[in-house]
Amino acid sequence: MTYHFSIPDMSCGHCVKAVTSAIAEVDPKAETAVDLTTKTATVESALPAEALGKAIETAGYAATLSD
């Protein structure tokens, strides 16, 4: 599945790396594209969206699933 998350608290490259790493920790096979300009992450993963969102939140960022 492909999921789109809004992550409004991202503000720098470190944030992008933290979100990318958090997703990779729960699903090493996930394909993740994080866009700092739009403050979004697109994730292709076999895991449910809730697991990915929780990983992002554990890294310290609020994440909401968007369309």
Protein backbone atom coordinates (compact mmCIF):
# COMPACT_ATOMS: atom_id res chain seq x y z
CA MET A 1 0.00 0.00 0.00
CA THR A 2 1.01 3.58 -0.54
CA TYR A 3 0.36 6.00 2.30
CA HIS A 4 0.65 9.77 2.45
CA PHE A 5 1.39 11.41 5.78
CA SER A 6 1.27 15.08 6.69
CA ILE A 7 4.08 15.91 9.15
CA PRO A 8 3.71 19.63 9.93
CA ASP A 9 6.51 19.80 12.52
CA MET A 10 9.31 18.97 10.06
CA SER A 11 11.58 21.96 9.58
CA CYS A 12 15.04 20.76 8.48
CA GLY A 13 17.10 18.00 6.91
CA HIS A 14 17.57 16.37 10.29
CA CYS A 15 13.79 16.00 10.55
CA VAL A 16 13.68 14.33 7.14
CA LYS A 17 16.41 11.90 8.17
CA ALA A 18 14.70 11.14 11.49
CA VAL A 19 11.36 10.37 9.80
CA THR A 20 13.03 8.26 7.10
CA SER A 21 15.03 6.32 9.70
CA ALA A 22 11.98 5.76 11.91
CA ILE A 23 10.08 4.20 9.03
CA ALA A 24 13.07 2.08 8.01
CA GLU A 25 13.33 0.72 11.55
CA VAL A 26 9.82 -0.74 11.44
CA ASP A 27 9.92 -1.73 7.76
CA PRO A 28 13.37 -1.96 6.15
CA LYS A 29 11.74 -2.76 2.79
CA ALA A 30 9.56 0.36 2.77
CA GLU A 31 10.08 2.90 0.01
CA THR A 32 9.94 6.34 1.60
CA ALA A 33 9.97 9.80 0.02
CA VAL A 34 9.95 12.72 2.44
CA ASP A 35 9.33 16.24 1.11
CA LEU A 36 10.38 19.00 3.48
CA THR A 37 8.77 21.74 1.35
CA THR A 38 5.29 20.24 1.60
CA LYS A 39 6.00 18.60 4.98
CA THR A 40 4.77 15.24 3.74
CA ALA A 41 5.98 11.68 3.52
CA THR A 42 4.90 9.11 0.96
CA VAL A 43 5.50 5.56 2.08
CA GLU A 44 5.05 2.32 0.18
CA SER A 45 4.89 -0.48 2.73
CA ALA A 46 3.18 -3.76 3.52
CA LEU A 47 2.65 -2.55 7.09
CA PRO A 48 -0.61 -0.87 8.12
CA ALA A 49 -0.68 2.93 8.20
CA GLU A 50 -1.10 2.90 11.98
CA ALA A 51 2.27 1.17 12.47
CA LEU A 52 4.02 3.67 10.22
CA GLY A 53 2.32 6.63 11.86
CA LYS A 54 3.30 5.37 15.28
CA ALA A 55 6.93 5.05 14.16
CA ILE A 56 6.91 8.66 12.96
CA GLU A 57 5.34 9.81 16.22
CA THR A 58 7.88 7.81 18.25
CA ALA A 59 10.58 9.78 16.40
CA GLY A 60 8.97 12.94 17.80
CA TYR A 61 6.77 14.16 14.96
CA ALA A 62 2.98 14.40 14.75
CA ALA A 63 1.79 12.57 11.66
CA THR A 64 -1.66 12.41 10.13
CA LEU A 65 -2.71 10.21 7.26
CA SER A 66 -3.78 12.25 4.25
CA ASP A 67 -5.32 11.42 0.89
